[in-house]
Amino acid sequence: MTDLASAIRKLVVGDIFHANCSNGASLICLVESISESTVNARTVTHQIKVAFDCSTGLESGAEGDSPCRIDSIAPLPVDIHNVILGMDRKLRLEPDLMKHKLNDDERRALIFIASHYPANPL
């Protein structure tokens, strides 16, 4: 097992990790389930279901020219983690799109993430 695979297999349900796509898209992902071969997650900001191969970190079954790869599983500070979980809940459950506007804590969390994950790659 490679170091990458060992690191990815340390993820558990509720963990937040980061993936980059070849088209430049940045995905903040929340682990929903994990098996021996696959990490099933959803993106926090768009609530899209994604699956990644545990061995390679590549998005499973990716179609098109923009495959995504897990690039950081660095834990977030507890306060940032909690803000991201709250954002996920709001974006998942609130049907009124006008209420999806980011608050100050959410903006600060996203600014923190923008430097945290690149500074802590796999």
N, C-alpha and C. Protein backbone atom coordinates (compact mmCIF):
# COMPACT_ATOMS: atom_id res chain seq x y z
N MET A 1 0.84 -1.18 0.00
CA MET A 1 0.00 0.00 0.00
C MET A 1 0.89 1.24 0.00
N THR A 2 0.60 2.17 -0.87
CA THR A 2 1.40 3.39 -0.95
C THR A 2 1.08 4.32 0.21
N ASP A 3 1.95 5.31 0.42
CA ASP A 3 1.70 6.30 1.46
C ASP A 3 0.40 7.05 1.20
N LEU A 4 0.14 7.35 -0.09
CA LEU A 4 -1.09 8.03 -0.47
C LEU A 4 -2.30 7.21 -0.05
N ALA A 5 -2.30 5.94 -0.38
CA ALA A 5 -3.42 5.06 -0.03
C ALA A 5 -3.57 4.94 1.48
N SER A 6 -2.47 4.83 2.20
CA SER A 6 -2.52 4.75 3.66
C SER A 6 -3.14 6.00 4.25
N ALA A 7 -2.75 7.15 3.72
CA ALA A 7 -3.28 8.41 4.22
C ALA A 7 -4.78 8.52 3.94
N ILE A 8 -5.18 8.19 2.73
CA ILE A 8 -6.59 8.30 2.37
C ILE A 8 -7.45 7.35 3.20
N ARG A 9 -6.94 6.18 3.50
CA ARG A 9 -7.70 5.19 4.29
C ARG A 9 -7.86 5.61 5.75
N LYS A 10 -7.18 6.66 6.16
CA LYS A 10 -7.35 7.18 7.52
C LYS A 10 -8.60 8.05 7.65
N LEU A 11 -9.19 8.44 6.52
CA LEU A 11 -10.40 9.24 6.56
C LEU A 11 -11.54 8.46 7.20
N VAL A 12 -12.41 9.17 7.91
CA VAL A 12 -13.60 8.56 8.51
C VAL A 12 -14.81 9.44 8.17
N VAL A 13 -15.98 8.88 8.35
CA VAL A 13 -17.22 9.61 8.08
C VAL A 13 -17.21 10.91 8.89
N GLY A 14 -17.53 12.01 8.21
CA GLY A 14 -17.55 13.32 8.86
C GLY A 14 -16.29 14.13 8.64
N ASP A 15 -15.22 13.49 8.15
CA ASP A 15 -13.99 14.23 7.85
C ASP A 15 -14.21 15.12 6.64
N ILE A 16 -13.45 16.20 6.62
CA ILE A 16 -13.47 17.12 5.49
C ILE A 16 -12.11 17.05 4.83
N PHE A 17 -12.09 16.95 3.50
CA PHE A 17 -10.84 16.91 2.76
C PHE A 17 -10.96 17.77 1.52
N HIS A 18 -9.87 17.89 0.79
CA HIS A 18 -9.84 18.74 -0.39
C HIS A 18 -9.43 17.93 -1.61
N ALA A 19 -10.03 18.25 -2.74
CA ALA A 19 -9.65 17.65 -4.02
C ALA A 19 -9.56 18.76 -5.06
N ASN A 20 -8.65 18.58 -5.99
CA ASN A 20 -8.49 19.49 -7.12
C ASN A 20 -8.82 18.76 -8.40
N CYS A 21 -9.43 19.46 -9.33
CA CYS A 21 -9.74 18.90 -10.64
C CYS A 21 -8.79 19.48 -11.66
N SER A 22 -8.57 18.74 -12.73
CA SER A 22 -7.63 19.20 -13.75
C SER A 22 -8.09 20.48 -14.43
N ASN A 23 -9.38 20.82 -14.32
CA ASN A 23 -9.87 22.06 -14.91
C ASN A 23 -9.73 23.25 -13.95
N GLY A 24 -9.12 22.99 -12.78
CA GLY A 24 -8.90 24.05 -11.80
C GLY A 24 -9.94 24.13 -10.71
N ALA A 25 -11.00 23.34 -10.81
CA ALA A 25 -12.03 23.35 -9.78
C ALA A 25 -11.46 22.86 -8.46
N SER A 26 -11.88 23.50 -7.38
CA SER A 26 -11.44 23.17 -6.03
C SER A 26 -12.64 22.62 -5.28
N LEU A 27 -12.51 21.41 -4.74
CA LEU A 27 -13.63 20.76 -4.07
C LEU A 27 -13.36 20.59 -2.58
N ILE A 28 -14.24 21.13 -1.76
CA ILE A 28 -14.21 20.87 -0.33
C ILE A 28 -15.22 19.75 -0.13
N CYS A 29 -14.73 18.61 0.35
CA CYS A 29 -15.56 17.40 0.40
C CYS A 29 -15.77 16.92 1.83
N LEU A 30 -16.95 16.40 2.08
CA LEU A 30 -17.32 15.82 3.37
C LEU A 30 -17.52 14.32 3.17
N VAL A 31 -16.80 13.51 3.93
CA VAL A 31 -16.90 12.05 3.79
C VAL A 31 -18.27 11.59 4.29
N GLU A 32 -18.99 10.87 3.43
CA GLU A 32 -20.28 10.29 3.78
C GLU A 32 -20.14 8.82 4.16
N SER A 33 -19.27 8.10 3.45
CA SER A 33 -18.99 6.70 3.77
C SER A 33 -17.65 6.34 3.15
N ILE A 34 -17.08 5.25 3.65
CA ILE A 34 -15.81 4.79 3.12
C ILE A 34 -15.79 3.27 3.17
N SER A 35 -15.30 2.68 2.09
CA SER A 35 -15.16 1.24 2.02
C SER A 35 -13.68 0.92 1.81
N GLU A 36 -13.38 -0.33 1.60
CA GLU A 36 -11.99 -0.73 1.36
C GLU A 36 -11.42 -0.06 0.11
N SER A 37 -12.29 0.23 -0.85
CA SER A 37 -11.79 0.76 -2.12
C SER A 37 -12.25 2.18 -2.47
N THR A 38 -13.26 2.70 -1.79
CA THR A 38 -13.86 3.97 -2.22
C THR A 38 -14.19 4.89 -1.06
N VAL A 39 -13.89 6.17 -1.27
CA VAL A 39 -14.35 7.22 -0.36
C VAL A 39 -15.53 7.90 -1.04
N ASN A 40 -16.69 7.81 -0.43
CA ASN A 40 -17.89 8.47 -0.94
C ASN A 40 -18.09 9.77 -0.17
N ALA A 41 -18.21 10.85 -0.91
CA ALA A 41 -18.30 12.16 -0.28
C ALA A 41 -19.28 13.03 -1.06
N ARG A 42 -19.52 14.20 -0.53
CA ARG A 42 -20.27 15.21 -1.27
C ARG A 42 -19.54 16.53 -1.10
N THR A 43 -19.64 17.36 -2.11
CA THR A 43 -19.00 18.66 -2.03
C THR A 43 -19.86 19.55 -1.13
N VAL A 44 -19.21 20.34 -0.31
CA VAL A 44 -19.92 21.19 0.62
C VAL A 44 -20.65 22.30 -0.11
N THR A 45 -19.99 22.95 -1.04
CA THR A 45 -20.57 24.14 -1.65
C THR A 45 -21.64 23.87 -2.70
N HIS A 46 -21.59 22.71 -3.37
CA HIS A 46 -22.57 22.43 -4.41
C HIS A 46 -23.39 21.16 -4.14
N GLN A 47 -23.07 20.45 -3.08
CA GLN A 47 -23.81 19.25 -2.69
C GLN A 47 -23.83 18.19 -3.77
N ILE A 48 -22.70 18.03 -4.46
CA ILE A 48 -22.56 17.04 -5.51
C ILE A 48 -21.91 15.79 -4.92
N LYS A 49 -22.47 14.63 -5.21
CA LYS A 49 -21.90 13.36 -4.74
C LYS A 49 -20.67 13.03 -5.58
N VAL A 50 -19.59 12.66 -4.91
CA VAL A 50 -18.36 12.26 -5.59
C VAL A 50 -17.81 11.01 -4.91
N ALA A 51 -17.10 10.20 -5.67
CA ALA A 51 -16.47 9.00 -5.13
C ALA A 51 -15.02 8.98 -5.59
N PHE A 52 -14.12 8.63 -4.68
CA PHE A 52 -12.70 8.60 -4.98
C PHE A 52 -12.13 7.23 -4.67
N ASP A 53 -11.23 6.77 -5.52
CA ASP A 53 -10.53 5.51 -5.32
C ASP A 53 -9.55 5.67 -4.15
N CYS A 54 -9.61 4.78 -3.19
CA CYS A 54 -8.75 4.87 -2.01
C CYS A 54 -7.27 4.68 -2.35
N SER A 55 -6.98 3.92 -3.38
CA SER A 55 -5.58 3.63 -3.72
C SER A 55 -4.90 4.77 -4.45
N THR A 56 -5.65 5.45 -5.32
CA THR A 56 -5.04 6.48 -6.17
C THR A 56 -5.44 7.89 -5.80
N GLY A 57 -6.56 8.04 -5.10
CA GLY A 57 -7.09 9.36 -4.79
C GLY A 57 -7.84 9.98 -5.94
N LEU A 58 -7.95 9.26 -7.07
CA LEU A 58 -8.65 9.78 -8.24
C LEU A 58 -10.15 9.56 -8.12
N GLU A 59 -10.90 10.49 -8.68
CA GLU A 59 -12.34 10.37 -8.70
C GLU A 59 -12.71 9.10 -9.47
N SER A 60 -13.53 8.28 -8.87
CA SER A 60 -13.96 7.03 -9.50
C SER A 60 -15.01 7.33 -10.56
N GLY A 61 -14.85 6.73 -11.73
CA GLY A 61 -15.83 6.89 -12.78
C GLY A 61 -15.92 8.29 -13.34
N ALA A 62 -14.88 9.08 -13.17
CA ALA A 62 -14.89 10.46 -13.68
C ALA A 62 -15.04 10.46 -15.19
N GLU A 63 -15.92 11.30 -15.66
CA GLU A 63 -16.12 11.42 -17.10
C GLU A 63 -15.61 12.79 -17.55
N GLY A 64 -15.21 12.87 -18.79
CA GLY A 64 -14.78 14.15 -19.33
C GLY A 64 -13.30 14.41 -19.13
N ASP A 65 -12.93 15.64 -19.31
CA ASP A 65 -11.53 16.02 -19.30
C ASP A 65 -11.05 16.58 -17.97
N SER A 66 -11.86 16.50 -16.93
CA SER A 66 -11.51 17.15 -15.67
C SER A 66 -11.57 16.21 -14.47
N PRO A 67 -10.80 15.12 -14.50
CA PRO A 67 -10.83 14.23 -13.34
C PRO A 67 -10.30 14.95 -12.09
N CYS A 68 -10.84 14.58 -10.96
CA CYS A 68 -10.43 15.20 -9.69
C CYS A 68 -9.59 14.22 -8.90
N ARG A 69 -8.73 14.77 -8.04
CA ARG A 69 -7.86 13.95 -7.22
C ARG A 69 -7.80 14.55 -5.81
N ILE A 70 -7.86 13.69 -4.82
CA ILE A 70 -7.68 14.14 -3.44
C ILE A 70 -6.26 14.66 -3.31
N ASP A 71 -6.13 15.90 -2.86
CA ASP A 71 -4.79 16.47 -2.74
C ASP A 71 -4.42 16.86 -1.31
N SER A 72 -5.39 16.84 -0.39
CA SER A 72 -5.08 17.12 1.01
C SER A 72 -6.17 16.56 1.91
N ILE A 73 -5.73 15.92 2.97
CA ILE A 73 -6.66 15.44 4.00
C ILE A 73 -6.31 16.07 5.34
N ALA A 74 -5.54 17.15 5.30
CA ALA A 74 -5.10 17.81 6.53
C ALA A 74 -6.32 18.23 7.35
N PRO A 75 -6.35 17.85 8.63
CA PRO A 75 -7.49 18.23 9.47
C PRO A 75 -7.57 19.75 9.61
N LEU A 76 -8.79 20.22 9.67
CA LEU A 76 -9.03 21.64 9.89
C LEU A 76 -9.07 21.91 11.39
N PRO A 77 -8.73 23.13 11.80
CA PRO A 77 -8.96 23.49 13.21
C PRO A 77 -10.43 23.29 13.55
N VAL A 78 -10.72 22.96 14.79
CA VAL A 78 -12.09 22.62 15.20
C VAL A 78 -13.08 23.73 14.84
N ASP A 79 -12.72 24.98 15.06
CA ASP A 79 -13.67 26.06 14.78
C ASP A 79 -13.97 26.15 13.28
N ILE A 80 -12.96 26.00 12.44
CA ILE A 80 -13.17 26.04 10.99
C ILE A 80 -13.97 24.82 10.54
N HIS A 81 -13.64 23.65 11.08
CA HIS A 81 -14.37 22.42 10.76
C HIS A 81 -15.86 22.60 11.06
N ASN A 82 -16.16 23.16 12.22
CA ASN A 82 -17.56 23.34 12.62
C ASN A 82 -18.29 24.33 11.72
N VAL A 83 -17.60 25.38 11.30
CA VAL A 83 -18.22 26.35 10.39
C VAL A 83 -18.53 25.68 9.05
N ILE A 84 -17.60 24.86 8.54
CA ILE A 84 -17.82 24.18 7.27
C ILE A 84 -18.98 23.18 7.40
N LEU A 85 -19.07 22.48 8.53
CA LEU A 85 -20.21 21.57 8.74
C LEU A 85 -21.52 22.35 8.75
N GLY A 86 -21.53 23.51 9.38
CA GLY A 86 -22.72 24.34 9.41
C GLY A 86 -23.09 24.83 8.01
N MET A 87 -22.08 25.19 7.23
CA MET A 87 -22.32 25.63 5.85
C MET A 87 -22.90 24.47 5.04
N ASP A 88 -22.34 23.29 5.22
CA ASP A 88 -22.85 22.11 4.51
C ASP A 88 -24.32 21.90 4.85
N ARG A 89 -24.64 21.97 6.11
CA ARG A 89 -26.04 21.76 6.55
C ARG A 89 -26.95 22.81 5.94
N LYS A 90 -26.54 24.07 5.99
CA LYS A 90 -27.35 25.15 5.43
C LYS A 90 -27.59 24.94 3.94
N LEU A 91 -26.53 24.65 3.20
CA LEU A 91 -26.66 24.50 1.75
C LEU A 91 -27.42 23.24 1.36
N ARG A 92 -27.38 22.24 2.23
CA ARG A 92 -28.09 20.98 1.96
C ARG A 92 -29.57 21.06 2.28
N LEU A 93 -29.92 21.80 3.34
CA LEU A 93 -31.29 21.75 3.84
C LEU A 93 -32.13 22.99 3.55
N GLU A 94 -31.49 24.12 3.32
CA GLU A 94 -32.25 25.37 3.12
C GLU A 94 -32.70 25.50 1.67
N PRO A 95 -34.01 25.42 1.42
CA PRO A 95 -34.49 25.52 0.04
C PRO A 95 -34.46 26.95 -0.51
N ASP A 96 -34.47 27.95 0.36
CA ASP A 96 -34.49 29.34 -0.09
C ASP A 96 -33.07 29.79 -0.45
N LEU A 97 -32.81 29.90 -1.75
CA LEU A 97 -31.47 30.26 -2.22
C LEU A 97 -31.01 31.62 -1.70
N MET A 98 -31.92 32.50 -1.38
CA MET A 98 -31.55 33.81 -0.84
C MET A 98 -30.90 33.68 0.53
N LYS A 99 -31.15 32.58 1.22
CA LYS A 99 -30.56 32.35 2.54
C LYS A 99 -29.22 31.63 2.46
N HIS A 100 -28.74 31.37 1.24
CA HIS A 100 -27.45 30.72 1.05
C HIS A 100 -26.29 31.71 1.10
N LYS A 101 -26.58 32.98 1.23
CA LYS A 101 -25.54 34.00 1.30
C LYS A 101 -24.59 33.67 2.46
N LEU A 102 -23.29 33.77 2.19
CA LEU A 102 -22.29 33.44 3.20
C LEU A 102 -22.24 34.50 4.29
N ASN A 103 -22.11 34.05 5.53
CA ASN A 103 -21.93 34.98 6.63
C ASN A 103 -20.42 35.22 6.85
N ASP A 104 -20.07 36.08 7.78
CA ASP A 104 -18.66 36.42 8.01
C ASP A 104 -17.82 35.20 8.40
N ASP A 105 -18.34 34.34 9.27
CA ASP A 105 -17.59 33.15 9.68
C ASP A 105 -17.34 32.22 8.49
N GLU A 106 -18.33 32.05 7.64
CA GLU A 106 -18.17 31.19 6.47
C GLU A 106 -17.15 31.76 5.49
N ARG A 107 -17.17 33.07 5.31
CA ARG A 107 -16.17 33.71 4.44
C ARG A 107 -14.76 33.51 5.01
N ARG A 108 -14.61 33.71 6.32
CA ARG A 108 -13.30 33.52 6.97
C ARG A 108 -12.84 32.06 6.82
N ALA A 109 -13.76 31.12 6.98
CA ALA A 109 -13.41 29.70 6.86
C ALA A 109 -12.93 29.38 5.46
N LEU A 110 -13.61 29.89 4.45
CA LEU A 110 -13.21 29.62 3.06
C LEU A 110 -11.87 30.28 2.74
N ILE A 111 -11.63 31.46 3.28
CA ILE A 111 -10.33 32.11 3.08
C ILE A 111 -9.23 31.29 3.74
N PHE A 112 -9.50 30.77 4.94
CA PHE A 112 -8.52 29.92 5.63
C PHE A 112 -8.22 28.67 4.80
N ILE A 113 -9.26 28.02 4.31
CA ILE A 113 -9.11 26.79 3.53
C ILE A 113 -8.28 27.03 2.27
N ALA A 114 -8.45 28.20 1.67
CA ALA A 114 -7.73 28.51 0.43
C ALA A 114 -6.21 28.44 0.59
N SER A 115 -5.72 28.65 1.79
CA SER A 115 -4.26 28.53 2.02
C SER A 115 -3.91 27.27 2.80
N HIS A 116 -4.85 26.76 3.61
CA HIS A 116 -4.56 25.59 4.46
C HIS A 116 -4.28 24.32 3.66
N TYR A 117 -5.16 23.99 2.73
CA TYR A 117 -4.97 22.76 1.97
C TYR A 117 -3.75 22.79 1.06
N PRO A 118 -3.50 23.88 0.33
CA PRO A 118 -2.28 23.91 -0.48
C PRO A 118 -1.00 23.82 0.35
N ALA A 119 -1.05 24.32 1.58
CA ALA A 119 0.12 24.27 2.46
C ALA A 119 0.31 22.90 3.11
N ASN A 120 -0.68 22.03 2.97
CA ASN A 120 -0.64 20.69 3.58
C ASN A 120 -1.04 19.61 2.58
N PRO A 121 -0.25 19.47 1.50
CA PRO A 121 -0.63 18.47 0.48
C PRO A 121 -0.35 17.05 0.94
N LEU A 122 -0.98 16.11 0.25
CA LEU A 122 -0.69 14.68 0.49
C LEU A 122 0.68 14.35 -0.04
